[in-house]
Protein backbone atom coordinates (compact mmCIF):
# COMPACT_ATOMS: atom_id res chain seq x y z
CA MET A 1 98.55 70.09 165.26
CA SER A 2 100.57 67.36 166.95
CA GLU A 3 104.13 67.85 168.11
CA ALA A 4 105.35 65.28 165.58
CA GLU A 5 103.74 67.25 162.77
CA GLN A 6 105.25 70.50 164.05
CA SER A 7 108.72 69.00 164.31
CA ARG A 8 108.40 67.61 160.79
CA LEU A 9 107.44 70.98 159.36
CA LEU A 10 110.28 72.71 161.22
CA GLN A 11 112.72 70.15 159.89
CA GLU A 12 111.47 70.66 156.34
CA PHE A 13 111.75 74.44 156.75
CA GLU A 14 115.33 74.14 157.99
CA ASN A 15 116.20 71.90 155.08
CA TRP A 16 114.59 74.37 152.64
CA CYS A 17 116.62 77.23 154.13
CA LEU A 18 119.76 75.41 153.09
CA THR A 19 118.70 75.20 149.42
CA LEU A 20 119.22 77.69 146.56
CA ASP A 21 115.45 78.20 146.32
CA CYS A 22 115.50 79.88 149.71
CA THR A 23 118.36 82.19 148.68
CA ALA A 24 116.61 83.12 145.41
CA PHE A 25 113.32 83.75 147.25
CA TRP A 26 114.82 86.22 149.73
CA LYS A 27 116.87 87.93 147.03
CA GLU A 28 113.69 88.50 145.03
CA ARG A 29 111.95 89.88 148.14
CA LYS A 30 114.82 92.29 148.79
CA ARG A 31 114.78 93.40 145.15
CA LYS A 32 111.04 94.14 145.20
CA TYR A 33 111.42 95.98 148.50
CA ALA A 34 114.22 98.14 147.05
CA LEU A 35 112.12 98.93 143.96
CA GLU A 36 109.08 99.88 146.01
CA THR A 37 111.19 102.07 148.29
CA ALA A 38 112.79 103.82 145.34
CA ALA A 39 109.43 104.32 143.63
CA SER A 40 107.96 105.77 146.82
CA ASN A 41 110.85 108.19 147.24
CA CYS A 42 110.71 109.22 143.60
CA SER A 43 106.97 109.85 143.85
CA GLU A 44 107.44 112.13 146.84
CA VAL A 45 110.18 114.10 145.07
CA ILE A 46 108.12 114.47 141.90
CA ASP A 47 105.07 115.61 143.88
CA LYS A 48 107.15 118.30 145.59
CA MET A 49 108.57 119.45 142.26
CA LEU A 50 105.12 119.66 140.66
CA VAL A 51 103.71 121.62 143.58
CA SER A 52 106.60 124.10 143.55
CA ASP A 53 106.45 124.52 139.78
CA SER A 54 102.70 125.08 139.82
CA GLN A 55 103.06 127.72 142.49
CA GLY A 56 105.78 129.40 140.44
CA LEU A 57 103.49 129.44 137.41
CA LEU A 58 100.50 130.80 139.28
CA GLU A 59 102.36 133.76 140.80
CA PRO A 60 103.28 135.41 137.43
CA GLN A 61 99.70 134.90 136.20
CA ASN A 62 98.30 136.61 139.29
CA GLN A 63 100.69 139.50 138.81
CA THR A 64 99.97 139.97 135.12
CA SER A 65 96.22 139.74 135.62
CA THR A 66 96.24 143.01 137.53
CA VAL A 67 98.12 144.83 134.78
CA GLU A 68 95.96 146.15 131.93
CA LEU A 69 97.77 145.66 128.68
CA PRO A 70 96.96 147.75 125.60
CA THR A 71 95.06 145.99 122.85
CA PRO A 72 97.33 145.50 119.84
CA ARG A 73 96.05 146.97 116.60
CA PRO A 74 96.59 145.12 113.35
CA THR A 75 98.99 146.87 111.04
CA GLN A 76 98.42 147.32 107.36
CA GLU A 77 101.00 144.70 106.47
CA THR A 78 99.34 142.05 108.65
CA THR A 79 95.89 142.80 107.25
CA ALA A 80 97.15 142.64 103.70
CA SER A 81 99.00 139.38 104.18
CA GLN A 82 96.01 137.48 105.55
CA PRO A 83 94.00 137.28 102.27
CA ILE A 84 97.13 136.07 100.46
CA ALA A 85 97.64 133.23 102.94
CA THR A 86 93.95 132.32 102.80
CA THR A 87 93.96 132.25 99.03
CA THR A 88 97.09 130.13 98.90
CA THR A 89 95.67 127.60 101.37
CA ALA A 90 92.40 127.39 99.45
CA ASP A 91 94.25 126.80 96.18
CA LEU A 92 96.35 124.06 97.75
CA ASP A 93 93.28 122.38 99.22
CA GLN A 94 91.48 122.50 95.89
CA GLU A 95 94.49 121.12 94.05
CA HIS A 96 94.86 118.32 96.59
CA ALA A 97 91.16 117.47 96.27
CA ASN A 98 91.39 117.36 92.46
CA THR A 99 94.49 115.18 92.55
CA ARG A 100 92.88 112.81 95.02
CA GLN A 101 89.70 112.60 92.96
CA GLU A 102 91.68 111.81 89.78
CA SER A 103 93.66 109.14 91.63
CA ASP A 104 90.47 107.56 92.98
CA ASN A 105 88.93 107.54 89.52
CA GLU A 106 91.97 105.83 88.05
CA GLU A 107 91.99 103.18 90.77
CA LYS A 108 88.25 102.50 91.06
CA HIS A 109 87.05 102.83 87.47
CA TRP A 110 89.22 100.72 85.19
CA ILE A 111 86.44 99.75 82.82
CA ILE A 112 87.04 97.74 79.63
CA ASP A 113 84.07 96.86 77.42
CA GLY A 114 81.69 97.51 80.31
CA ASN A 115 83.59 95.22 82.72
CA ASP A 116 85.03 96.58 85.97
CA ILE A 117 88.53 95.09 85.81
CA THR A 118 89.49 96.48 89.22
CA SER A 119 86.61 94.75 91.01
CA LEU A 120 87.30 91.51 89.18
CA PHE A 121 90.98 91.67 90.08
CA LEU A 122 90.18 92.25 93.76
CA LYS A 123 87.88 89.23 93.67
CA TYR A 124 90.59 87.20 91.94
CA ARG A 125 93.16 88.25 94.54
CA TYR A 126 90.78 87.20 97.32
CA GLN A 127 90.38 83.77 95.71
CA ALA A 128 94.17 83.52 95.51
CA ASP A 129 94.51 84.43 99.17
CA ILE A 130 92.22 81.63 100.38
CA ILE A 131 94.17 78.88 98.60
CA PRO A 132 95.21 76.32 101.24
CA LYS A 133 98.74 76.84 102.51
CA PRO A 134 101.42 75.97 101.63
CA VAL A 135 100.72 77.10 98.07
CA PRO A 136 102.41 75.03 95.31
CA LEU A 137 104.65 77.42 93.40
CA GLU A 138 104.54 75.98 89.90
CA SER A 139 100.78 75.48 89.64
CA ASN A 140 99.84 78.78 91.36
CA ILE A 141 102.48 81.24 90.15
CA GLN A 142 99.81 83.52 88.65
CA GLU A 143 97.88 83.61 91.91
CA ILE A 144 101.07 84.41 93.85
CA LEU A 145 101.68 87.33 91.46
CA ALA A 146 98.10 88.49 92.02
CA LEU A 147 98.71 88.67 95.77
CA SER A 148 101.54 91.11 94.97
CA GLY A 149 99.22 93.26 92.83
CA VAL A 150 100.37 91.84 89.46
CA LEU A 151 97.87 90.59 86.86
CA PHE A 152 99.68 88.11 84.60
CA LEU A 153 98.37 88.15 81.01
CA ALA A 154 99.48 85.68 78.35
CA ASN A 155 97.43 84.24 75.52
CA GLU A 156 96.19 80.70 76.22
CA GLN A 157 98.13 80.60 79.50
CA HIS A 158 95.52 81.70 82.02
CA SER A 159 95.06 79.74 85.22
CA GLU A 160 91.76 78.05 86.03
CA CYS A 161 91.15 80.34 88.99
CA LYS A 162 91.64 83.44 86.85
CA VAL A 163 89.37 82.14 84.08
CA THR A 164 86.69 81.36 86.67
CA VAL A 165 86.73 84.92 88.01
CA PHE A 166 87.26 86.95 84.82
CA GLY A 167 85.91 84.71 82.07
CA GLU A 168 87.77 83.84 78.87
CA GLN A 169 86.23 86.63 76.78
CA VAL A 170 87.06 89.33 79.32
CA LEU A 171 90.65 88.11 79.48
CA LYS A 172 90.92 88.16 75.69
CA ASN A 173 89.57 91.71 75.55
CA LEU A 174 91.88 92.80 78.36
CA LEU A 175 94.93 91.30 76.66
CA LYS A 176 93.99 92.91 73.36
CA CYS A 177 93.55 96.28 75.05
CA GLN A 178 96.92 96.05 76.77
CA ILE A 179 98.68 95.11 73.51
CA GLN A 180 97.11 98.08 71.76
CA THR A 181 98.20 100.32 74.63
CA LEU A 182 101.78 99.12 74.38
CA LEU A 183 101.83 99.45 70.58
CA SER A 184 100.49 102.99 70.80
CA LYS A 185 103.57 103.96 72.80
CA VAL A 186 105.95 102.79 70.05
CA PRO A 187 107.18 105.77 67.97
CA HIS A 188 105.92 105.94 64.38
CA ASP A 189 109.44 106.42 63.04
CA THR A 190 110.69 103.21 64.62
CA PRO A 191 113.02 101.39 62.18
CA ASN A 192 111.95 97.97 60.99
CA PHE A 193 114.12 94.87 60.92
CA THR A 194 115.37 93.85 57.52
CA ASN A 195 114.87 90.36 56.17
CA ASP A 196 118.57 89.62 56.66
CA ASP A 197 118.42 90.67 60.34
CA PHE A 198 115.31 88.62 60.91
CA MET A 199 116.71 85.51 59.27
CA GLU A 200 119.96 85.82 61.18
CA MET A 201 118.09 85.87 64.50
CA VAL A 202 115.89 82.96 63.43
CA ASN A 203 118.93 80.88 62.51
CA VAL A 204 120.43 81.49 65.92
CA VAL A 205 117.42 80.84 68.11
CA ARG A 206 115.61 78.05 66.32
CA VAL A 207 115.95 74.62 67.84
CA SER A 208 117.02 72.85 64.62
CA ALA A 209 120.07 75.08 64.19
CA VAL A 210 121.11 74.52 67.79
CA ASP A 211 120.79 70.73 67.41
CA GLU A 212 122.70 70.50 64.13
CA GLU A 213 125.59 72.79 65.02
CA GLY A 214 125.82 71.77 68.66
CA MET A 215 125.50 75.44 69.68
CA SER A 216 125.40 76.10 73.41
CA PRO A 217 123.19 78.81 74.94
CA LYS A 218 126.26 80.95 75.61
CA SER A 219 127.38 80.65 71.98
CA ALA A 220 123.90 81.60 70.76
CA LYS A 221 123.87 84.63 73.04
CA LEU A 222 127.33 85.63 71.81
CA ARG A 223 126.17 85.51 68.17
CA LEU A 224 123.14 87.63 68.96
CA LEU A 225 125.23 90.22 70.80
CA THR A 226 127.66 90.26 67.86
CA LEU A 227 124.73 90.96 65.57
CA VAL A 228 123.77 93.90 67.80
CA THR A 229 126.97 95.81 66.98
CA SER A 230 125.76 96.53 63.45
CA MET A 231 122.29 97.78 64.49
CA ASP A 232 120.92 101.08 65.76
CA GLN A 233 119.90 101.61 69.39
CA PHE A 234 116.27 100.54 69.08
CA LYS A 235 117.03 97.31 67.21
CA SER A 236 119.93 96.49 69.52
CA ASN A 237 117.69 96.82 72.57
CA VAL A 238 115.23 94.33 71.07
CA VAL A 239 117.93 91.79 70.20
CA GLU A 240 119.59 92.17 73.62
CA GLY A 241 116.24 91.39 75.21
CA ILE A 242 115.98 88.23 73.12
CA ALA A 243 119.53 87.28 74.05
CA ASP A 244 118.74 87.63 77.76
CA LEU A 245 115.99 85.05 77.40
């Protein structure tokens, strides 16, 4: 290397030593050196502690190994309690197995008219998951519900994707089955609406009455809630649900 090259490099080094990069570089070196020194010292201390502790643990074992301890004999209470504990554990295991089997059957075997609804729903949810993102909300609301584990059922309102997976006839049978299930839960002594109650609700909610009288949605809801005051609990719950719509 020529003297000119050496002098140039020395000049560049001196200039670099005057910059903040030089200060940061040596600070980082000192920090790493301090960490390595601390880690080395800590390792030595920990090694000494482990060695001393292991020696302390070995000495009592050596002392007790030379002492012959009497063999404990099981008492009558201990012997009698063991079958009880074993029986209780076995009963719990059997109950857990039965519960798990019933749960699996309910989840894996939802069969309606020979169709495995669970398998079809999983396939439908997969088709909903592969829709290109971002998913339009209005046109894919049923598929978004399916991703959350909800199967939306409404007559003549099924999406194309759902009809493709399930088929129209299966959806009709499923909707019919669900309606029958809901109706079966209604008590037999449920009071019926009278003709006057029915006509009053029709007059409030029909579009022609709203247009002619200039009734606002709040006014219609107020009239329905006023009608509720003269009904029993079951009827009032139905009318309140209509008012909330």
